[in-house]
Protein backbone atom coordinates (compact mmCIF):
# COMPACT_ATOMS: atom_id res chain seq x y z
CA MET A 1 73.07 183.84 87.35
CA THR A 2 76.82 183.97 86.93
CA PRO A 3 79.28 181.46 88.42
CA HIS A 4 82.01 182.96 90.62
CA ILE A 5 84.98 181.14 92.10
CA ALA A 6 84.86 181.99 95.79
CA THR A 7 83.56 180.61 99.05
CA CYS A 8 80.53 182.24 100.64
CA VAL A 9 78.73 182.06 103.96
CA ALA A 10 75.74 183.84 105.42
CA VAL A 11 76.35 185.56 108.75
CA GLY A 12 72.83 186.24 109.89
CA LYS A 13 71.13 187.55 106.77
CA HIS A 14 74.33 189.03 105.28
CA GLY A 15 76.52 187.22 102.78
CA VAL A 16 80.31 187.27 103.09
CA LEU A 17 82.17 186.43 99.89
CA ILE A 18 85.61 184.92 100.64
CA GLU A 19 88.14 185.18 97.82
CA GLY A 20 91.77 184.16 97.51
CA PRO A 21 94.12 181.88 95.62
CA PRO A 22 93.86 178.09 95.91
CA ALA A 23 94.95 176.76 99.32
CA SER A 24 94.76 180.22 100.92
CA GLY A 25 92.28 179.10 103.58
CA LYS A 26 88.87 180.04 102.13
CA SER A 27 87.25 176.78 103.20
CA ALA A 28 88.96 176.85 106.61
CA LEU A 29 87.65 180.37 107.21
CA ALA A 30 84.17 179.30 106.13
CA LEU A 31 84.33 176.35 108.54
CA ALA A 32 85.37 178.64 111.41
CA LEU A 33 82.50 181.00 110.60
CA ILE A 34 80.06 178.08 110.38
CA ASP A 35 81.28 176.97 113.80
CA ARG A 36 80.31 180.44 115.06
CA GLY A 37 76.79 180.22 113.58
CA ALA A 38 77.20 181.16 109.91
CA GLN A 39 75.56 179.07 107.23
CA LEU A 40 77.27 177.76 104.09
CA ILE A 41 76.21 179.19 100.75
CA GLY A 42 78.98 177.66 98.65
CA ASP A 43 82.56 176.47 98.74
CA ASP A 44 84.94 177.20 95.86
CA GLY A 45 82.03 178.25 93.68
CA VAL A 46 78.83 180.22 94.02
CA MET A 47 76.25 181.65 91.68
CA LEU A 48 75.86 185.43 91.73
CA GLU A 49 72.99 187.57 90.52
CA VAL A 50 72.18 191.25 90.68
CA ARG A 51 68.82 192.07 92.25
CA GLY A 52 68.16 195.79 92.20
CA ALA A 53 71.24 197.36 93.78
CA GLN A 54 72.30 194.17 95.60
CA LEU A 55 74.56 191.28 94.67
CA VAL A 56 72.98 188.02 95.82
CA ALA A 57 74.87 184.74 96.24
CA HIS A 58 73.34 181.29 95.74
CA PRO A 59 74.82 177.80 96.06
CA HIS A 60 76.34 176.34 92.92
CA PRO A 61 74.12 173.40 91.90
CA GLN A 62 77.07 171.01 91.48
CA THR A 63 78.52 171.58 94.97
CA ARG A 64 75.45 172.65 96.96
CA GLY A 65 75.85 171.89 100.65
CA LEU A 66 79.43 170.60 100.38
CA LEU A 67 82.47 172.08 102.12
CA GLU A 68 85.96 170.72 101.61
CA ILE A 69 87.67 170.20 104.94
CA ARG A 70 91.35 169.51 104.40
CA ASN A 71 92.29 166.00 105.48
CA LEU A 72 88.60 165.02 105.80
CA GLY A 73 87.18 165.50 102.30
CA LEU A 74 83.84 166.90 101.17
CA ILE A 75 81.49 167.22 104.15
CA SER A 76 77.77 168.00 103.93
CA PHE A 77 76.44 171.10 105.68
CA PRO A 78 73.06 172.84 105.82
CA VAL A 79 72.94 175.46 103.13
CA CYS A 80 71.57 178.98 102.84
CA LEU A 81 69.80 179.29 99.49
CA ALA A 82 70.43 183.03 99.00
CA ALA A 83 71.97 186.00 100.77
CA PRO A 84 72.83 189.55 99.68
CA ILE A 85 76.59 190.11 99.77
CA ALA A 86 77.50 192.68 102.42
CA LEU A 87 81.28 192.23 102.43
CA VAL A 88 84.08 190.75 100.31
CA ILE A 89 87.04 189.25 102.16
CA VAL A 90 90.27 188.64 100.23
CA LEU A 91 92.78 186.30 101.85
CA ASP A 92 96.15 187.85 101.04
CA PRO A 93 99.48 187.40 102.85
CA SER A 94 100.40 190.98 101.89
CA ALA A 95 97.28 192.47 103.51
CA PRO A 96 97.98 195.73 105.35
CA ARG A 97 98.27 195.52 109.11
CA PHE A 98 95.86 198.45 109.68
CA ILE A 99 93.21 200.11 107.55
CA ASP A 100 91.25 203.33 107.87
CA ALA A 101 88.46 202.21 105.56
CA PRO A 102 87.61 199.24 103.39
CA GLN A 103 88.56 199.16 99.75
CA GLU A 104 85.73 199.11 97.26
CA VAL A 105 85.46 196.36 94.64
CA GLU A 106 82.91 195.66 91.96
CA ARG A 107 81.35 192.31 91.32
CA LEU A 108 78.91 192.20 88.39
CA GLY A 109 78.78 196.01 88.49
CA VAL A 110 77.79 196.19 92.17
CA ALA A 111 80.12 198.16 94.48
CA LEU A 112 81.00 196.28 97.67
CA PRO A 113 83.25 196.94 100.67
CA CYS A 114 86.34 194.73 100.62
CA ILE A 115 88.80 193.88 103.37
CA SER A 116 92.08 192.05 102.75
CA ILE A 117 93.01 189.73 105.59
CA TRP A 118 96.25 187.91 106.14
CA PRO A 119 95.28 184.21 106.07
CA ASP A 120 96.20 183.62 109.70
CA PRO A 121 94.55 180.40 110.86
CA ALA A 122 94.35 181.67 114.44
CA ALA A 123 91.41 184.08 114.34
CA PRO A 124 90.29 185.19 110.86
CA ALA A 125 86.65 184.37 111.67
CA LEU A 126 86.69 186.96 114.45
CA LYS A 127 88.21 189.51 112.04
CA VAL A 128 85.48 188.84 109.47
CA GLU A 129 82.72 189.32 112.03
CA GLN A 130 84.25 192.62 113.11
CA ALA A 131 84.77 193.73 109.49
CA LEU A 132 81.14 192.93 108.70
CA ARG A 133 79.93 194.99 111.68
CA VAL A 134 82.23 197.95 111.02
CA TYR A 135 82.51 198.07 107.22
CA GLY A 136 79.78 195.84 105.76
CA LEU A 137 76.60 196.94 104.04
CA CYS A 138 74.55 195.92 107.08
CA SER A 139 71.31 197.72 107.63
């Protein structure tokens, strides 16, 4: 397994890898998704492995079950032990307003759909759920 600096949650059985610079809102987005029923895989670090044609995320052993909530500290959450990544979200203030299709990125040689989202604290969780339904590798 390979460490990867990102936050990751499982929405149903599909993993969503959340990437972005420090303080861009990765943990806040994960918390919003958890509030909507997602399960934490890892915050600011996950372990990735390739299984067949899928990229699978696992909790990092040093931070398993911990999510940093700004102004509160590290809070314990139930953890999902593994989920295949179906979508990569990049928090980026220069994200385009509209897209026709997701970008494609590679992580450990696996091609994945990728959506850039402006880190708006108002409703990024709703955008991620829609992006997963419309563009994710959901089967």
